Amino acid sequence: MESPLPLLFGSAEAPELAPPPRDPYNRVLLSLGLQGVGALFAWNAIITPTNYYELRFADSPFRDSFESLLSVTFTGVGLLSIAALQTVQHLFSLRAGIIGALAAQLTVFALLSLYTLLPVFQSDEGLRTQISQGATASFYVTVVCTAVAAAAQALLTSSVVAYTSVFPPAYTKVYRGATTHPCADSQSHAPGFREYPQFLL
């Protein structure tokens, strides 16, 4: 049976495929496995601390709906980012996409950590006052950080998946298998609606 490759490439002869890059000591394979295990880190980190949110947003209009709003924000921004990347991802390298996404997530979670810790250094009365008066502002800060983290996760996931295609199929299997590893499933015993955004899986 004649190979379909000439039809796909529109020529009488199929182009010679380049060999996959070398991976000494399986360092790329290990990195892809770690990326797979951490694929849901942003989602888990955003949605897990519900007790903290209940305290921080207690005096805001969003005290009863913050879980749904954070979930919709993360999923919606992620889907829109994936759609937007279809038209612009060719403008930058995979390395730039991966490093940029990781840097954006690091920045977001560093800012969230600082924002969470600052009230702790105040007196008990000052802590209560700041939490009460800043409840709504805290929610908006969290939503903005959630949106940025979702966009960064979409970029990271699409870039890593594209990167795995450069290597043999075993590399894609390792990455995809790691995304379903129990280490990535930190929400399996958490109460509530904890379903992962489907665009990440």
N, C-alpha and C. Protein backbone atom coordinates (compact mmCIF):
# COMPACT_ATOMS: atom_id res chain seq x y z
N MET A 1 0.84 -1.21 0.00
CA MET A 1 0.00 0.00 0.00
C MET A 1 0.87 1.25 0.00
N GLU A 2 0.54 2.19 -0.85
CA GLU A 2 1.34 3.41 -0.98
C GLU A 2 1.17 4.30 0.25
N SER A 3 2.28 4.87 0.68
CA SER A 3 2.25 5.72 1.87
C SER A 3 1.42 6.97 1.61
N PRO A 4 0.61 7.40 2.60
CA PRO A 4 -0.21 8.61 2.42
C PRO A 4 0.59 9.90 2.60
N LEU A 5 1.85 9.79 3.01
CA LEU A 5 2.62 10.99 3.29
C LEU A 5 2.75 11.93 2.09
N PRO A 6 2.99 11.42 0.85
CA PRO A 6 3.06 12.35 -0.28
C PRO A 6 1.80 13.18 -0.45
N LEU A 7 0.63 12.57 -0.18
CA LEU A 7 -0.62 13.33 -0.28
C LEU A 7 -0.68 14.42 0.77
N LEU A 8 -0.23 14.09 1.96
CA LEU A 8 -0.27 15.07 3.05
C LEU A 8 0.64 16.25 2.76
N PHE A 9 1.79 15.97 2.16
CA PHE A 9 2.76 17.04 1.93
C PHE A 9 2.65 17.65 0.54
N GLY A 10 1.76 17.13 -0.28
CA GLY A 10 1.54 17.72 -1.60
C GLY A 10 2.70 17.59 -2.54
N SER A 11 3.47 16.54 -2.41
CA SER A 11 4.60 16.35 -3.30
C SER A 11 4.74 14.87 -3.62
N ALA A 12 5.53 14.55 -4.58
CA ALA A 12 5.70 13.16 -4.98
C ALA A 12 6.53 12.40 -3.96
N GLU A 13 7.35 13.10 -3.21
CA GLU A 13 8.20 12.45 -2.24
C GLU A 13 7.97 13.06 -0.87
N ALA A 14 7.83 12.21 0.14
CA ALA A 14 7.67 12.70 1.51
C ALA A 14 9.00 13.24 2.01
N PRO A 15 9.00 14.32 2.77
CA PRO A 15 10.25 14.86 3.29
C PRO A 15 10.86 13.91 4.32
N GLU A 16 12.14 13.97 4.41
CA GLU A 16 12.84 13.13 5.39
C GLU A 16 12.64 13.71 6.78
N LEU A 17 12.11 12.89 7.69
CA LEU A 17 11.83 13.36 9.04
C LEU A 17 13.12 13.46 9.84
N ALA A 18 13.24 14.55 10.60
CA ALA A 18 14.43 14.74 11.42
C ALA A 18 14.38 13.80 12.61
N PRO A 19 15.52 13.28 13.03
CA PRO A 19 15.53 12.39 14.20
C PRO A 19 15.19 13.18 15.46
N PRO A 20 14.62 12.54 16.47
CA PRO A 20 14.29 13.25 17.71
C PRO A 20 15.56 13.72 18.42
N PRO A 21 15.45 14.78 19.21
CA PRO A 21 16.63 15.27 19.94
C PRO A 21 17.15 14.22 20.92
N ARG A 22 18.42 14.31 21.23
CA ARG A 22 19.01 13.40 22.22
C ARG A 22 18.58 13.84 23.62
N ASP A 23 18.50 12.87 24.51
CA ASP A 23 18.12 13.16 25.89
C ASP A 23 19.05 12.40 26.83
N PRO A 24 20.28 12.92 27.02
CA PRO A 24 21.22 12.23 27.89
C PRO A 24 20.69 12.10 29.31
N TYR A 25 20.81 10.90 29.85
CA TYR A 25 20.40 10.60 31.23
C TYR A 25 18.89 10.82 31.46
N ASN A 26 18.11 10.89 30.38
CA ASN A 26 16.65 11.03 30.50
C ASN A 26 16.24 12.26 31.31
N ARG A 27 16.98 13.33 31.19
CA ARG A 27 16.65 14.54 31.95
C ARG A 27 15.35 15.17 31.46
N VAL A 28 15.14 15.17 30.15
CA VAL A 28 13.89 15.72 29.61
C VAL A 28 12.71 14.87 30.05
N LEU A 29 12.89 13.55 30.01
CA LEU A 29 11.82 12.64 30.43
C LEU A 29 11.43 12.90 31.89
N LEU A 30 12.44 13.08 32.75
CA LEU A 30 12.18 13.36 34.17
C LEU A 30 11.46 14.70 34.32
N SER A 31 11.91 15.70 33.59
CA SER A 31 11.29 17.02 33.67
C SER A 31 9.82 16.98 33.23
N LEU A 32 9.55 16.23 32.17
CA LEU A 32 8.17 16.12 31.71
C LEU A 32 7.30 15.39 32.73
N GLY A 33 7.87 14.38 33.38
CA GLY A 33 7.12 13.70 34.44
C GLY A 33 6.78 14.64 35.58
N LEU A 34 7.75 15.46 35.98
CA LEU A 34 7.50 16.43 37.05
C LEU A 34 6.48 17.48 36.62
N GLN A 35 6.56 17.90 35.36
CA GLN A 35 5.57 18.85 34.85
C GLN A 35 4.18 18.24 34.87
N GLY A 36 4.09 16.96 34.55
CA GLY A 36 2.79 16.29 34.58
C GLY A 36 2.22 16.22 35.98
N VAL A 37 3.06 15.86 36.95
CA VAL A 37 2.60 15.78 38.34
C VAL A 37 2.14 17.14 38.83
N GLY A 38 2.84 18.21 38.39
CA GLY A 38 2.49 19.55 38.84
C GLY A 38 1.50 20.28 37.95
N ALA A 39 0.91 19.56 36.99
CA ALA A 39 0.04 20.22 36.02
C ALA A 39 -1.17 20.88 36.68
N LEU A 40 -1.63 20.33 37.79
CA LEU A 40 -2.81 20.87 38.46
C LEU A 40 -2.45 21.70 39.70
N PHE A 41 -1.19 22.06 39.82
CA PHE A 41 -0.77 22.81 41.01
C PHE A 41 -1.53 24.12 41.15
N ALA A 42 -1.63 24.88 40.06
CA ALA A 42 -2.28 26.18 40.14
C ALA A 42 -3.74 26.04 40.58
N TRP A 43 -4.45 25.10 39.96
CA TRP A 43 -5.85 24.88 40.31
C TRP A 43 -5.98 24.46 41.78
N ASN A 44 -5.17 23.49 42.20
CA ASN A 44 -5.25 23.02 43.58
C ASN A 44 -4.91 24.11 44.58
N ALA A 45 -3.89 24.90 44.27
CA ALA A 45 -3.47 25.95 45.20
C ALA A 45 -4.53 27.04 45.33
N ILE A 46 -5.25 27.31 44.26
CA ILE A 46 -6.29 28.34 44.30
C ILE A 46 -7.52 27.87 45.06
N ILE A 47 -7.95 26.65 44.83
CA ILE A 47 -9.26 26.23 45.32
C ILE A 47 -9.20 25.50 46.67
N THR A 48 -8.02 25.12 47.14
CA THR A 48 -7.93 24.33 48.36
C THR A 48 -8.23 25.08 49.66
N PRO A 49 -7.68 26.30 49.89
CA PRO A 49 -7.81 26.92 51.23
C PRO A 49 -9.18 27.54 51.48
N THR A 50 -10.22 26.74 51.47
CA THR A 50 -11.57 27.27 51.64
C THR A 50 -11.80 27.86 53.03
N ASN A 51 -11.18 27.28 54.06
CA ASN A 51 -11.34 27.84 55.41
C ASN A 51 -10.77 29.25 55.50
N TYR A 52 -9.63 29.45 54.83
CA TYR A 52 -9.04 30.79 54.79
C TYR A 52 -9.95 31.76 54.05
N TYR A 53 -10.49 31.34 52.92
CA TYR A 53 -11.39 32.20 52.17
C TYR A 53 -12.64 32.56 52.98
N GLU A 54 -13.18 31.60 53.70
CA GLU A 54 -14.36 31.87 54.51
C GLU A 54 -14.10 32.96 55.53
N LEU A 55 -12.90 32.98 56.09
CA LEU A 55 -12.53 34.03 57.05
C LEU A 55 -12.24 35.34 56.33
N ARG A 56 -11.47 35.27 55.24
CA ARG A 56 -11.02 36.50 54.56
C ARG A 56 -12.16 37.22 53.85
N PHE A 57 -13.12 36.47 53.32
CA PHE A 57 -14.21 37.07 52.57
C PHE A 57 -15.51 37.16 53.37
N ALA A 58 -15.43 36.94 54.68
CA ALA A 58 -16.64 36.85 55.51
C ALA A 58 -17.49 38.12 55.45
N ASP A 59 -16.86 39.28 55.35
CA ASP A 59 -17.59 40.54 55.33
C ASP A 59 -17.72 41.12 53.93
N SER A 60 -17.58 40.28 52.92
CA SER A 60 -17.72 40.73 51.54
C SER A 60 -19.02 40.20 50.96
N PRO A 61 -19.50 40.77 49.86
CA PRO A 61 -20.72 40.24 49.22
C PRO A 61 -20.53 38.85 48.61
N PHE A 62 -19.28 38.36 48.60
CA PHE A 62 -18.99 37.11 47.92
C PHE A 62 -18.75 35.95 48.90
N ARG A 63 -19.14 36.14 50.15
CA ARG A 63 -18.82 35.12 51.16
C ARG A 63 -19.49 33.78 50.88
N ASP A 64 -20.64 33.79 50.20
CA ASP A 64 -21.36 32.54 49.93
C ASP A 64 -21.13 32.01 48.51
N SER A 65 -20.43 32.76 47.69
CA SER A 65 -20.30 32.36 46.28
C SER A 65 -18.85 32.33 45.80
N PHE A 66 -17.88 32.52 46.70
CA PHE A 66 -16.50 32.64 46.24
C PHE A 66 -15.99 31.37 45.56
N GLU A 67 -16.43 30.19 46.04
CA GLU A 67 -15.95 28.95 45.42
C GLU A 67 -16.37 28.87 43.95
N SER A 68 -17.63 29.13 43.69
CA SER A 68 -18.11 29.08 42.31
C SER A 68 -17.45 30.14 41.44
N LEU A 69 -17.29 31.34 41.98
CA LEU A 69 -16.70 32.43 41.20
C LEU A 69 -15.23 32.15 40.88
N LEU A 70 -14.49 31.61 41.83
CA LEU A 70 -13.09 31.28 41.57
C LEU A 70 -12.99 30.14 40.55
N SER A 71 -13.89 29.17 40.66
CA SER A 71 -13.88 28.06 39.71
C SER A 71 -14.20 28.53 38.30
N VAL A 72 -15.24 29.36 38.18
CA VAL A 72 -15.62 29.88 36.86
C VAL A 72 -14.51 30.75 36.28
N THR A 73 -13.89 31.56 37.12
CA THR A 73 -12.80 32.42 36.65
C THR A 73 -11.64 31.59 36.11
N PHE A 74 -11.22 30.59 36.89
CA PHE A 74 -10.07 29.78 36.46
C PHE A 74 -10.40 29.03 35.17
N THR A 75 -11.56 28.39 35.13
CA THR A 75 -11.91 27.60 33.95
C THR A 75 -12.16 28.48 32.73
N GLY A 76 -12.89 29.59 32.92
CA GLY A 76 -13.20 30.48 31.80
C GLY A 76 -11.97 31.13 31.21
N VAL A 77 -11.10 31.66 32.07
CA VAL A 77 -9.88 32.29 31.57
C VAL A 77 -8.98 31.26 30.90
N GLY A 78 -8.93 30.06 31.47
CA GLY A 78 -8.12 29.01 30.86
C GLY A 78 -8.59 28.65 29.47
N LEU A 79 -9.89 28.49 29.31
CA LEU A 79 -10.44 28.16 27.99
C LEU A 79 -10.19 29.27 26.97
N LEU A 80 -10.42 30.51 27.39
CA LEU A 80 -10.17 31.63 26.49
C LEU A 80 -8.70 31.74 26.11
N SER A 81 -7.82 31.45 27.08
CA SER A 81 -6.39 31.50 26.80
C SER A 81 -5.98 30.43 25.81
N ILE A 82 -6.52 29.21 25.99
CA ILE A 82 -6.22 28.14 25.04
C ILE A 82 -6.67 28.53 23.64
N ALA A 83 -7.86 29.13 23.53
CA ALA A 83 -8.36 29.55 22.22
C ALA A 83 -7.48 30.64 21.61
N ALA A 84 -7.08 31.60 22.43
CA ALA A 84 -6.24 32.69 21.93
C ALA A 84 -4.87 32.19 21.49
N LEU A 85 -4.35 31.19 22.20
CA LEU A 85 -3.02 30.68 21.87
C LEU A 85 -2.98 30.02 20.49
N GLN A 86 -4.13 29.60 19.99
CA GLN A 86 -4.15 28.97 18.67
C GLN A 86 -3.69 29.92 17.57
N THR A 87 -3.85 31.21 17.81
CA THR A 87 -3.48 32.19 16.78
C THR A 87 -2.16 32.89 17.03
N VAL A 88 -1.64 32.80 18.26
CA VAL A 88 -0.42 33.58 18.57
C VAL A 88 0.74 32.73 19.04
N GLN A 89 0.52 31.44 19.30
CA GLN A 89 1.59 30.65 19.91
C GLN A 89 2.79 30.48 18.98
N HIS A 90 2.58 30.62 17.69
CA HIS A 90 3.69 30.49 16.76
C HIS A 90 4.64 31.69 16.80
N LEU A 91 4.24 32.73 17.50
CA LEU A 91 5.06 33.95 17.55
C LEU A 91 6.20 33.86 18.55
N PHE A 92 6.20 32.86 19.41
CA PHE A 92 7.28 32.72 20.38
C PHE A 92 7.67 31.25 20.49
N SER A 93 8.85 31.01 21.00
CA SER A 93 9.37 29.65 21.10
C SER A 93 8.71 28.89 22.25
N LEU A 94 8.81 27.56 22.19
CA LEU A 94 8.29 26.74 23.28
C LEU A 94 9.03 27.04 24.58
N ARG A 95 10.33 27.28 24.49
CA ARG A 95 11.10 27.60 25.69
C ARG A 95 10.58 28.87 26.32
N ALA A 96 10.32 29.89 25.51
CA ALA A 96 9.79 31.15 26.05
C ALA A 96 8.43 30.94 26.69
N GLY A 97 7.59 30.12 26.07
CA GLY A 97 6.27 29.86 26.63
C GLY A 97 6.35 29.15 27.97
N ILE A 98 7.19 28.12 28.06
CA ILE A 98 7.31 27.36 29.30
C ILE A 98 7.91 28.20 30.41
N ILE A 99 9.02 28.87 30.12
CA ILE A 99 9.68 29.68 31.16
C ILE A 99 8.81 30.87 31.56
N GLY A 100 8.16 31.50 30.58
CA GLY A 100 7.29 32.63 30.89
C GLY A 100 6.11 32.23 31.75
N ALA A 101 5.51 31.08 31.44
CA ALA A 101 4.37 30.61 32.23
C ALA A 101 4.78 30.26 33.65
N LEU A 102 5.92 29.59 33.79
CA LEU A 102 6.40 29.24 35.14
C LEU A 102 6.74 30.50 35.94
N ALA A 103 7.34 31.49 35.27
CA ALA A 103 7.67 32.74 35.96
C ALA A 103 6.41 33.48 36.39
N ALA A 104 5.38 33.46 35.54
CA ALA A 104 4.12 34.13 35.88
C ALA A 104 3.46 33.44 37.08
N GLN A 105 3.45 32.12 37.10
CA GLN A 105 2.87 31.42 38.23
C GLN A 105 3.65 31.65 39.52
N LEU A 106 4.96 31.66 39.41
CA LEU A 106 5.79 31.94 40.59
C LEU A 106 5.48 33.32 41.14
N THR A 107 5.34 34.31 40.26
CA THR A 107 5.04 35.67 40.69
C THR A 107 3.67 35.75 41.35
N VAL A 108 2.67 35.11 40.74
CA VAL A 108 1.32 35.15 41.29
C VAL A 108 1.27 34.56 42.69
N PHE A 109 1.87 33.39 42.87
CA PHE A 109 1.76 32.73 44.17
C PHE A 109 2.67 33.37 45.21
N ALA A 110 3.74 34.00 44.78
CA ALA A 110 4.55 34.78 45.73
C ALA A 110 3.76 35.98 46.24
N LEU A 111 3.07 36.68 45.32
CA LEU A 111 2.25 37.83 45.73
C LEU A 111 1.10 37.40 46.63
N LEU A 112 0.45 36.29 46.29
CA LEU A 112 -0.64 35.80 47.14
C LEU A 112 -0.14 35.41 48.53
N SER A 113 1.04 34.82 48.59
CA SER A 113 1.62 34.44 49.89
C SER A 113 1.91 35.67 50.73
N LEU A 114 2.51 36.69 50.12
CA LEU A 114 2.79 37.92 50.85
C LEU A 114 1.50 38.60 51.30
N TYR A 115 0.52 38.62 50.43
CA TYR A 115 -0.77 39.25 50.74
C TYR A 115 -1.45 38.52 51.90
N THR A 116 -1.25 37.21 51.97
CA THR A 116 -1.84 36.42 53.05
C THR A 116 -1.12 36.64 54.37
N LEU A 117 0.20 36.79 54.31
CA LEU A 117 0.99 36.87 55.53
C LEU A 117 1.02 38.26 56.16
N LEU A 118 0.82 39.30 55.38
CA LEU A 118 0.94 40.67 55.91
C LEU A 118 0.04 40.93 57.13
N PRO A 119 -1.23 40.53 57.11
CA PRO A 119 -2.07 40.81 58.28
C PRO A 119 -1.61 40.09 59.55
N VAL A 120 -0.86 39.01 59.40
CA VAL A 120 -0.45 38.23 60.57
C VAL A 120 0.47 39.03 61.49
N PHE A 121 1.18 40.01 60.94
CA PHE A 121 2.14 40.77 61.73
C PHE A 121 1.47 41.93 62.49
N GLN A 122 0.17 42.05 62.40
CA GLN A 122 -0.52 43.11 63.12
C GLN A 122 -1.06 42.57 64.45
N SER A 123 -1.52 43.48 65.31
CA SER A 123 -2.14 43.08 66.56
C SER A 123 -3.47 42.39 66.27
N ASP A 124 -4.02 41.73 67.29
CA ASP A 124 -5.28 41.01 67.10
C ASP A 124 -6.38 41.95 66.63
N GLU A 125 -6.45 43.13 67.24
CA GLU A 125 -7.49 44.09 66.86
C GLU A 125 -7.26 44.60 65.44
N GLY A 126 -5.99 44.89 65.12
CA GLY A 126 -5.68 45.35 63.77
C GLY A 126 -5.95 44.29 62.73
N LEU A 127 -5.73 43.03 63.10
CA LEU A 127 -5.99 41.93 62.18
C LEU A 127 -7.48 41.83 61.88
N ARG A 128 -8.30 41.91 62.92
CA ARG A 128 -9.76 41.84 62.71
C ARG A 128 -10.24 43.00 61.86
N THR A 129 -9.72 44.20 62.13
CA THR A 129 -10.14 45.39 61.38
C THR A 129 -9.76 45.28 59.91
N GLN A 130 -8.52 44.86 59.66
CA GLN A 130 -8.06 44.79 58.27
C GLN A 130 -8.83 43.73 57.49
N ILE A 131 -9.07 42.58 58.12
CA ILE A 131 -9.82 41.52 57.44
C ILE A 131 -11.23 41.98 57.14
N SER A 132 -11.86 42.67 58.09
CA SER A 132 -13.23 43.12 57.90
C SER A 132 -13.32 44.20 56.82
N GLN A 133 -12.44 45.20 56.90
CA GLN A 133 -12.51 46.32 55.96
C GLN A 133 -11.99 45.95 54.57
N GLY A 134 -11.10 44.99 54.50
CA GLY A 134 -10.50 44.64 53.20
C GLY A 134 -11.06 43.38 52.58
N ALA A 135 -12.23 42.93 53.06
CA ALA A 135 -12.77 41.66 52.58
C ALA A 135 -13.05 41.69 51.08
N THR A 136 -13.71 42.74 50.62
CA THR A 136 -14.05 42.82 49.20
C THR A 136 -12.80 43.00 48.34
N ALA A 137 -11.88 43.86 48.79
CA ALA A 137 -10.63 44.06 48.05
C ALA A 137 -9.84 42.76 47.99
N SER A 138 -9.84 41.99 49.07
CA SER A 138 -9.12 40.72 49.08
C SER A 138 -9.70 39.76 48.05
N PHE A 139 -11.02 39.78 47.91
CA PHE A 139 -11.64 38.91 46.92
C PHE A 139 -11.22 39.31 45.51
N TYR A 140 -11.21 40.60 45.21
CA TYR A 140 -10.82 41.04 43.87
C TYR A 140 -9.36 40.70 43.58
N VAL A 141 -8.49 40.86 44.58
CA VAL A 141 -7.08 40.50 44.41
C VAL A 141 -6.96 39.02 44.09
N THR A 142 -7.71 38.20 44.82
CA THR A 142 -7.66 36.75 44.60
C THR A 142 -8.18 36.37 43.22
N VAL A 143 -9.24 37.04 42.78
CA VAL A 143 -9.80 36.75 41.45
C VAL A 143 -8.80 37.11 40.35
N VAL A 144 -8.16 38.27 40.47
CA VAL A 144 -7.18 38.68 39.47
C VAL A 144 -6.01 37.69 39.43
N CYS A 145 -5.52 37.29 40.60
CA CYS A 145 -4.43 36.32 40.65
C CYS A 145 -4.88 34.97 40.08
N THR A 146 -6.12 34.60 40.33
CA THR A 146 -6.66 33.36 39.77
C THR A 146 -6.67 33.41 38.25
N ALA A 147 -7.09 34.54 37.70
CA ALA A 147 -7.14 34.70 36.24
C ALA A 147 -5.74 34.61 35.63
N VAL A 148 -4.78 35.28 36.25
CA VAL A 148 -3.41 35.24 35.73
C VAL A 148 -2.85 33.83 35.82
N ALA A 149 -3.10 33.16 36.95
CA ALA A 149 -2.62 31.78 37.12
C ALA A 149 -3.25 30.85 36.08
N ALA A 150 -4.52 31.06 35.77
CA ALA A 150 -5.20 30.21 34.77
C ALA A 150 -4.61 30.43 33.39
N ALA A 151 -4.37 31.69 33.02
CA ALA A 151 -3.77 31.98 31.72
C ALA A 151 -2.36 31.38 31.63
N ALA A 152 -1.59 31.51 32.71
CA ALA A 152 -0.24 30.94 32.72
C ALA A 152 -0.28 29.43 32.63
N GLN A 153 -1.25 28.80 33.31
CA GLN A 153 -1.36 27.34 33.25
C GLN A 153 -1.75 26.88 31.86
N ALA A 154 -2.63 27.62 31.21
CA ALA A 154 -3.00 27.27 29.83
C ALA A 154 -1.80 27.34 28.90
N LEU A 155 -1.01 28.41 29.04
CA LEU A 155 0.20 28.55 28.22
C LEU A 155 1.20 27.44 28.53
N LEU A 156 1.37 27.15 29.81
CA LEU A 156 2.32 26.10 30.20
C LEU A 156 1.90 24.74 29.66
N THR A 157 0.63 24.40 29.83
CA THR A 157 0.14 23.10 29.37
C THR A 157 0.28 22.95 27.86
N SER A 158 -0.13 23.96 27.11
CA SER A 158 -0.05 23.86 25.65
C SER A 158 1.40 23.81 25.18
N SER A 159 2.29 24.55 25.84
CA SER A 159 3.70 24.54 25.44
C SER A 159 4.35 23.21 25.76
N VAL A 160 4.05 22.65 26.93
CA VAL A 160 4.65 21.37 27.32
C VAL A 160 4.15 20.25 26.41
N VAL A 161 2.84 20.26 26.10
CA VAL A 161 2.30 19.23 25.21
C VAL A 161 2.96 19.32 23.83
N ALA A 162 3.13 20.54 23.33
CA ALA A 162 3.81 20.71 22.03
C ALA A 162 5.26 20.25 22.12
N TYR A 163 5.90 20.48 23.25
CA TYR A 163 7.30 20.09 23.43
C TYR A 163 7.44 18.57 23.45
N THR A 164 6.48 17.88 24.06
CA THR A 164 6.57 16.42 24.10
C THR A 164 6.50 15.80 22.70
N SER A 165 5.85 16.50 21.77
CA SER A 165 5.70 15.95 20.42
C SER A 165 7.02 15.92 19.66
N VAL A 166 8.02 16.67 20.13
CA VAL A 166 9.33 16.66 19.49
C VAL A 166 10.06 15.35 19.77
N PHE A 167 9.69 14.69 20.86
CA PHE A 167 10.37 13.48 21.30
C PHE A 167 9.54 12.25 20.94
N PRO A 168 10.08 11.06 21.16
CA PRO A 168 9.31 9.83 20.87
C PRO A 168 8.02 9.77 21.68
N PRO A 169 7.07 8.93 21.25
CA PRO A 169 5.75 8.85 21.92
C PRO A 169 5.84 8.54 23.42
N ALA A 170 6.89 7.86 23.85
CA ALA A 170 7.01 7.52 25.26
C ALA A 170 7.04 8.78 26.13
N TYR A 171 7.55 9.88 25.62
CA TYR A 171 7.63 11.11 26.40
C TYR A 171 6.23 11.69 26.63
N THR A 172 5.40 11.61 25.60
CA THR A 172 4.01 12.07 25.76
C THR A 172 3.28 11.18 26.76
N LYS A 173 3.53 9.87 26.71
CA LYS A 173 2.88 8.96 27.64
C LYS A 173 3.28 9.27 29.09
N VAL A 174 4.54 9.58 29.29
CA VAL A 174 5.01 9.90 30.64
C VAL A 174 4.32 11.16 31.15
N TYR A 175 4.25 12.18 30.31
CA TYR A 175 3.61 13.43 30.73
C TYR A 175 2.13 13.23 31.01
N ARG A 176 1.43 12.58 30.10
CA ARG A 176 0.00 12.36 30.27
C ARG A 176 -0.28 11.45 31.46
N GLY A 177 0.55 10.44 31.64
CA GLY A 177 0.36 9.55 32.78
C GLY A 177 0.60 10.25 34.10
N ALA A 178 1.57 11.16 34.13
CA ALA A 178 1.88 11.88 35.37
C ALA A 178 0.75 12.83 35.75
N THR A 179 -0.01 13.35 34.78
CA THR A 179 -1.10 14.27 35.11
C THR A 179 -2.22 13.57 35.86
N THR A 180 -2.29 12.25 35.75
CA THR A 180 -3.33 11.49 36.46
C THR A 180 -2.77 10.76 37.67
N HIS A 181 -1.53 11.05 38.02
CA HIS A 181 -0.91 10.42 39.19
C HIS A 181 -1.58 10.91 40.46
N PRO A 182 -1.69 10.06 41.49
CA PRO A 182 -2.32 10.48 42.75
C PRO A 182 -1.70 11.72 43.36
N CYS A 183 -0.41 11.97 43.11
CA CYS A 183 0.23 13.17 43.66
C CYS A 183 -0.41 14.44 43.11
N ALA A 184 -0.94 14.36 41.88
CA ALA A 184 -1.59 15.52 41.29
C ALA A 184 -3.02 15.66 41.77
N ASP A 185 -3.55 14.59 42.37
CA ASP A 185 -4.95 14.58 42.78
C ASP A 185 -5.08 14.91 44.26
N SER A 186 -4.69 16.11 44.65
CA SER A 186 -4.72 16.50 46.05
C SER A 186 -6.12 16.82 46.53
N GLN A 187 -7.10 16.86 45.60
CA GLN A 187 -8.46 17.20 45.97
C GLN A 187 -9.36 15.98 46.13
N SER A 188 -8.79 14.78 46.02
CA SER A 188 -9.64 13.59 45.98
C SER A 188 -10.43 13.39 47.26
N HIS A 189 -9.96 13.94 48.40
CA HIS A 189 -10.68 13.77 49.65
C HIS A 189 -11.26 15.08 50.15
N ALA A 190 -11.20 16.12 49.32
CA ALA A 190 -11.69 17.42 49.75
C ALA A 190 -13.20 17.50 49.53
N PRO A 191 -13.91 18.22 50.39
CA PRO A 191 -15.36 18.32 50.22
C PRO A 191 -15.72 19.26 49.08
N GLY A 192 -16.98 19.17 48.64
CA GLY A 192 -17.47 20.16 47.68
C GLY A 192 -17.39 19.69 46.25
N PHE A 193 -17.27 20.66 45.37
CA PHE A 193 -17.42 20.38 43.96
C PHE A 193 -16.13 20.04 43.26
N ARG A 194 -15.05 19.86 43.87
CA ARG A 194 -13.70 19.74 43.35
C ARG A 194 -13.56 18.93 42.05
N GLU A 195 -14.04 19.47 40.95
CA GLU A 195 -13.80 18.84 39.66
C GLU A 195 -12.78 19.68 38.91
N TYR A 196 -11.83 19.01 38.26
CA TYR A 196 -10.77 19.73 37.57
C TYR A 196 -11.29 20.37 36.28
N PRO A 197 -10.77 21.52 35.93
CA PRO A 197 -11.13 22.11 34.64
C PRO A 197 -10.72 21.17 33.52
N GLN A 198 -11.66 20.88 32.63
CA GLN A 198 -11.41 19.88 31.61
C GLN A 198 -10.36 20.30 30.59
N PHE A 199 -10.10 21.60 30.46
CA PHE A 199 -9.12 22.02 29.45
C PHE A 199 -7.70 21.64 29.85
N LEU A 200 -7.50 21.27 31.13
CA LEU A 200 -6.17 20.88 31.58
C LEU A 200 -5.91 19.40 31.43
N LEU A 201 -6.93 18.61 31.15
CA LEU A 201 -6.76 17.16 31.17
C LEU A 201 -6.70 16.59 29.76
